[in-house]
Amino acid sequence: MDEALRDANRCPLPLAEWAAVKNGLSQQQTDFEDPLLTTSCTFEDLFQQGSRPASEIAYSRSDYDGWKWWTTWHQCQKDTPVLEVAREIDAFQNALFQLPEFRNLDTLTRFCRGYAQPTSEPTEFNLYSETAHFYIWLRLVTRHRDYNAYVHYYLKG
């Protein structure tokens, strides 16, 4: 199925299936039991540039429709074959949405109000994480009928 049809059917192509990944790049399999989420950002220097950090490889945008999470992927480095660790991204993302805090929008809202870093918007929160190859920023939006989770992946130096 081509990408437009996959998107229309809310069935995005997993990163591990992207052409850049499938065409012979080495891949690492990383399994996550529970992603470590924190309110402390250890990579603030990435945001000092004033624009999108050059190390951002991809980000996902997810919304909860009342029944399940739907995710759309966006590749930031179209000409750089750095997606060799795409399985690491997929493993993190899959583990993230298996957490009980992401069961539905109500559990996410309670979790964010009690644990996540608040922003100037009362319905938006930040969390951070790391994997072997990535710094990860989660922007969580607890409004109904909105994108509720943006997960940004930055390649470590």
C-alpha atoms as a PDB file:
ATOM      1  CA  MET A   1       0.000   0.000   0.000  1.00  0.00           C
ATOM      2  CA  ASP A   2       1.489   3.393  -0.862  1.00  0.00           C
ATOM      3  CA  GLU A   3       2.187   5.974   1.838  1.00  0.00           C
ATOM      4  CA  ALA A   4      -0.813   8.179   0.994  1.00  0.00           C
ATOM      5  CA  LEU A   5      -3.221   5.252   1.344  1.00  0.00           C
ATOM      6  CA  ARG A   6      -1.521   4.103   4.535  1.00  0.00           C
ATOM      7  CA  ASP A   7      -1.917   7.590   5.974  1.00  0.00           C
ATOM      8  CA  ALA A   8      -5.569   7.822   4.888  1.00  0.00           C
ATOM      9  CA  ASN A   9      -6.218   4.472   6.563  1.00  0.00           C
ATOM     10  CA  ARG A  10      -4.377   5.682   9.683  1.00  0.00           C
ATOM     11  CA  CYS A  11      -1.809   2.932   9.234  1.00  0.00           C
ATOM     12  CA  PRO A  12       1.528   4.807   9.079  1.00  0.00           C
ATOM     13  CA  LEU A  13       4.587   3.037   7.778  1.00  0.00           C
ATOM     14  CA  PRO A  14       6.783   1.980  10.718  1.00  0.00           C
ATOM     15  CA  LEU A  15      10.236   3.564  10.681  1.00  0.00           C
ATOM     16  CA  ALA A  16      11.786   0.118  10.306  1.00  0.00           C
ATOM     17  CA  GLU A  17      10.043  -0.128   6.920  1.00  0.00           C
ATOM     18  CA  TRP A  18      11.312   3.201   5.549  1.00  0.00           C
ATOM     19  CA  ALA A  19      13.414   2.809   2.390  1.00  0.00           C
ATOM     20  CA  ALA A  20      16.478   4.347   4.040  1.00  0.00           C
ATOM     21  CA  VAL A  21      16.343   1.687   6.707  1.00  0.00           C
ATOM     22  CA  LYS A  22      15.517  -1.293   4.508  1.00  0.00           C
ATOM     23  CA  ASN A  23      18.249  -0.623   1.946  1.00  0.00           C
ATOM     24  CA  GLY A  24      21.129  -2.310   3.687  1.00  0.00           C
ATOM     25  CA  LEU A  25      21.844  -0.002   6.578  1.00  0.00           C
ATOM     26  CA  SER A  26      22.921  -1.763   9.724  1.00  0.00           C
ATOM     27  CA  GLN A  27      20.247  -1.786  12.381  1.00  0.00           C
ATOM     28  CA  GLN A  28      20.377  -2.324  16.073  1.00  0.00           C
ATOM     29  CA  GLN A  29      17.586  -4.051  17.919  1.00  0.00           C
ATOM     30  CA  THR A  30      16.879  -2.428  21.239  1.00  0.00           C
ATOM     31  CA  ASP A  31      14.114  -3.597  23.516  1.00  0.00           C
ATOM     32  CA  PHE A  32      12.577  -1.326  26.115  1.00  0.00           C
ATOM     33  CA  GLU A  33      10.592  -2.657  29.012  1.00  0.00           C
ATOM     34  CA  ASP A  34       9.560   0.730  30.359  1.00  0.00           C
ATOM     35  CA  PRO A  35      10.958   3.984  28.995  1.00  0.00           C
ATOM     36  CA  LEU A  36      12.448   6.197  31.689  1.00  0.00           C
ATOM     37  CA  LEU A  37      10.593   9.502  31.527  1.00  0.00           C
ATOM     38  CA  THR A  38      11.878  12.493  33.448  1.00  0.00           C
ATOM     39  CA  THR A  39      11.105  16.177  33.903  1.00  0.00           C
ATOM     40  CA  SER A  40      14.809  17.010  33.716  1.00  0.00           C
ATOM     41  CA  CYS A  41      16.172  17.869  30.266  1.00  0.00           C
ATOM     42  CA  THR A  42      19.841  16.895  29.998  1.00  0.00           C
ATOM     43  CA  PHE A  43      20.193  18.244  26.449  1.00  0.00           C
ATOM     44  CA  GLU A  44      19.002  21.855  26.702  1.00  0.00           C
ATOM     45  CA  ASP A  45      22.023  23.001  24.682  1.00  0.00           C
ATOM     46  CA  LEU A  46      20.353  21.557  21.543  1.00  0.00           C
ATOM     47  CA  PHE A  47      17.698  24.259  21.761  1.00  0.00           C
ATOM     48  CA  GLN A  48      20.102  27.206  22.038  1.00  0.00           C
ATOM     49  CA  GLN A  49      20.295  27.533  18.226  1.00  0.00           C
ATOM     50  CA  GLY A  50      16.882  29.203  18.053  1.00  0.00           C
ATOM     51  CA  SER A  51      15.656  26.938  15.264  1.00  0.00           C
ATOM     52  CA  ARG A  52      15.049  23.216  14.802  1.00  0.00           C
ATOM     53  CA  PRO A  53      18.159  21.386  16.037  1.00  0.00           C
ATOM     54  CA  ALA A  54      20.186  19.850  13.200  1.00  0.00           C
ATOM     55  CA  SER A  55      20.394  16.598  15.146  1.00  0.00           C
ATOM     56  CA  GLU A  56      16.616  16.025  15.008  1.00  0.00           C
ATOM     57  CA  ILE A  57      16.161  12.854  12.959  1.00  0.00           C
ATOM     58  CA  ALA A  58      12.412  12.313  13.169  1.00  0.00           C
ATOM     59  CA  TYR A  59       9.362  13.110  15.214  1.00  0.00           C
ATOM     60  CA  SER A  60       5.984  11.542  15.656  1.00  0.00           C
ATOM     61  CA  ARG A  61       2.636  13.193  16.161  1.00  0.00           C
ATOM     62  CA  SER A  62      -0.030  11.110  17.914  1.00  0.00           C
ATOM     63  CA  ASP A  63      -3.628  11.623  18.886  1.00  0.00           C
ATOM     64  CA  TYR A  64      -6.018   9.596  20.999  1.00  0.00           C
ATOM     65  CA  ASP A  65      -9.441   9.189  19.375  1.00  0.00           C
ATOM     66  CA  GLY A  66     -11.228   7.753  22.398  1.00  0.00           C
ATOM     67  CA  TRP A  67     -10.321   4.182  21.464  1.00  0.00           C
ATOM     68  CA  LYS A  68      -6.663   4.062  20.463  1.00  0.00           C
ATOM     69  CA  TRP A  69      -3.580   6.076  19.600  1.00  0.00           C
ATOM     70  CA  TRP A  70      -2.936   7.090  15.993  1.00  0.00           C
ATOM     71  CA  THR A  71       0.571   8.142  14.979  1.00  0.00           C
ATOM     72  CA  THR A  72       2.036   9.949  11.985  1.00  0.00           C
ATOM     73  CA  TRP A  73       5.812  10.027  11.428  1.00  0.00           C
ATOM     74  CA  HIS A  74       7.821  12.932  10.059  1.00  0.00           C
ATOM     75  CA  GLN A  75      11.417  12.523   8.898  1.00  0.00           C
ATOM     76  CA  CYS A  76      13.575  15.602   9.534  1.00  0.00           C
ATOM     77  CA  GLN A  77      16.812  14.505   7.812  1.00  0.00           C
ATOM     78  CA  LYS A  78      15.674  13.394   4.368  1.00  0.00           C
ATOM     79  CA  ASP A  79      19.159  13.289   2.839  1.00  0.00           C
ATOM     80  CA  THR A  80      21.021  11.762   5.777  1.00  0.00           C
ATOM     81  CA  PRO A  81      20.964   7.955   6.134  1.00  0.00           C
ATOM     82  CA  VAL A  82      21.003   8.081   9.933  1.00  0.00           C
ATOM     83  CA  LEU A  83      17.887   5.976  10.305  1.00  0.00           C
ATOM     84  CA  GLU A  84      20.009   2.887  10.862  1.00  0.00           C
ATOM     85  CA  VAL A  85      18.760   2.966  14.439  1.00  0.00           C
ATOM     86  CA  ALA A  86      15.100   3.172  13.438  1.00  0.00           C
ATOM     87  CA  ARG A  87      14.323   0.013  15.375  1.00  0.00           C
ATOM     88  CA  GLU A  88      15.483   1.812  18.499  1.00  0.00           C
ATOM     89  CA  ILE A  89      12.953   4.560  17.772  1.00  0.00           C
ATOM     90  CA  ASP A  90      10.191   2.040  17.070  1.00  0.00           C
ATOM     91  CA  ALA A  91      10.992   0.097  20.252  1.00  0.00           C
ATOM     92  CA  PHE A  92      10.878   3.252  22.380  1.00  0.00           C
ATOM     93  CA  GLN A  93       7.651   4.463  20.783  1.00  0.00           C
ATOM     94  CA  ASN A  94       5.952   1.079  21.174  1.00  0.00           C
ATOM     95  CA  ALA A  95       7.017   0.801  24.818  1.00  0.00           C
ATOM     96  CA  LEU A  96       5.842   4.358  25.483  1.00  0.00           C
ATOM     97  CA  PHE A  97       2.291   3.693  24.330  1.00  0.00           C
ATOM     98  CA  GLN A  98       2.182   0.446  26.334  1.00  0.00           C
ATOM     99  CA  LEU A  99       2.660   2.377  29.589  1.00  0.00           C
ATOM    100  CA  PRO A 100      -0.494   2.501  31.745  1.00  0.00           C
ATOM    101  CA  GLU A 101      -0.222   6.302  31.786  1.00  0.00           C
ATOM    102  CA  PHE A 102      -0.960   6.257  28.047  1.00  0.00           C
ATOM    103  CA  ARG A 103      -4.022   3.992  28.358  1.00  0.00           C
ATOM    104  CA  ASN A 104      -6.278   6.900  27.382  1.00  0.00           C
ATOM    105  CA  LEU A 105      -6.369  10.680  27.459  1.00  0.00           C
ATOM    106  CA  ASP A 106      -7.741  10.794  31.019  1.00  0.00           C
ATOM    107  CA  THR A 107      -4.876   8.706  32.421  1.00  0.00           C
ATOM    108  CA  LEU A 108      -2.394  10.802  30.437  1.00  0.00           C
ATOM    109  CA  THR A 109      -3.925  13.999  31.822  1.00  0.00           C
ATOM    110  CA  ARG A 110      -3.709  12.759  35.425  1.00  0.00           C
ATOM    111  CA  PHE A 111      -0.128  11.637  34.845  1.00  0.00           C
ATOM    112  CA  CYS A 112       0.895  14.966  33.312  1.00  0.00           C
ATOM    113  CA  ARG A 113      -0.705  17.066  36.053  1.00  0.00           C
ATOM    114  CA  GLY A 114       1.011  15.043  38.747  1.00  0.00           C
ATOM    115  CA  TYR A 115       4.386  14.369  37.204  1.00  0.00           C
ATOM    116  CA  ALA A 116       5.255  16.115  33.913  1.00  0.00           C
ATOM    117  CA  GLN A 117       6.952  19.480  33.514  1.00  0.00           C
ATOM    118  CA  PRO A 118       4.281  22.185  33.091  1.00  0.00           C
ATOM    119  CA  THR A 119       4.468  24.823  30.353  1.00  0.00           C
ATOM    120  CA  SER A 120       2.824  28.225  29.984  1.00  0.00           C
ATOM    121  CA  GLU A 121      -0.260  26.408  28.628  1.00  0.00           C
ATOM    122  CA  PRO A 122      -2.260  24.577  31.334  1.00  0.00           C
ATOM    123  CA  THR A 123      -2.970  21.635  28.997  1.00  0.00           C
ATOM    124  CA  GLU A 124       0.599  21.157  27.686  1.00  0.00           C
ATOM    125  CA  PHE A 125       3.491  19.384  29.372  1.00  0.00           C
ATOM    126  CA  ASN A 126       7.065  18.242  28.686  1.00  0.00           C
ATOM    127  CA  LEU A 127       8.926  15.042  29.494  1.00  0.00           C
ATOM    128  CA  TYR A 128      12.361  13.846  28.428  1.00  0.00           C
ATOM    129  CA  SER A 129      14.119  10.554  27.924  1.00  0.00           C
ATOM    130  CA  GLU A 130      17.227   9.015  26.380  1.00  0.00           C
ATOM    131  CA  THR A 131      18.151   5.835  24.565  1.00  0.00           C
ATOM    132  CA  ALA A 132      21.551   4.583  23.478  1.00  0.00           C
ATOM    133  CA  HIS A 133      21.540   6.816  20.391  1.00  0.00           C
ATOM    134  CA  PHE A 134      18.880   9.460  21.030  1.00  0.00           C
ATOM    135  CA  TYR A 135      17.813  12.305  23.248  1.00  0.00           C
ATOM    136  CA  ILE A 136      14.011  12.339  23.304  1.00  0.00           C
ATOM    137  CA  TRP A 137      11.629  15.217  24.003  1.00  0.00           C
ATOM    138  CA  LEU A 138       7.949  14.471  24.576  1.00  0.00           C
ATOM    139  CA  ARG A 139       5.508  17.356  24.244  1.00  0.00           C
ATOM    140  CA  LEU A 140       2.200  16.162  25.686  1.00  0.00           C
ATOM    141  CA  VAL A 141      -1.061  17.994  24.987  1.00  0.00           C
ATOM    142  CA  THR A 142      -4.046  16.921  27.086  1.00  0.00           C
ATOM    143  CA  ARG A 143      -6.778  18.676  25.076  1.00  0.00           C
ATOM    144  CA  HIS A 144      -9.418  16.546  23.381  1.00  0.00           C
ATOM    145  CA  ARG A 145      -9.569  16.688  19.569  1.00  0.00           C
ATOM    146  CA  ASP A 146      -5.942  17.742  19.278  1.00  0.00           C
ATOM    147  CA  TYR A 147      -2.621  16.038  18.666  1.00  0.00           C
ATOM    148  CA  ASN A 148      -1.795  14.752  22.127  1.00  0.00           C
ATOM    149  CA  ALA A 149       1.809  13.564  21.894  1.00  0.00           C
ATOM    150  CA  TYR A 150       4.737  14.897  19.911  1.00  0.00           C
ATOM    151  CA  VAL A 151       7.846  12.754  20.350  1.00  0.00           C
ATOM    152  CA  HIS A 152      11.061  14.291  18.976  1.00  0.00           C
ATOM    153  CA  TYR A 153      14.187  12.161  18.421  1.00  0.00           C
ATOM    154  CA  TYR A 154      17.610  13.882  18.439  1.00  0.00           C
ATOM    155  CA  LEU A 155      20.711  11.897  17.488  1.00  0.00           C
ATOM    156  CA  LYS A 156      23.372  12.038  20.188  1.00  0.00           C
ATOM    157  CA  GLY A 157      26.667  13.709  19.258  1.00  0.00           C
END
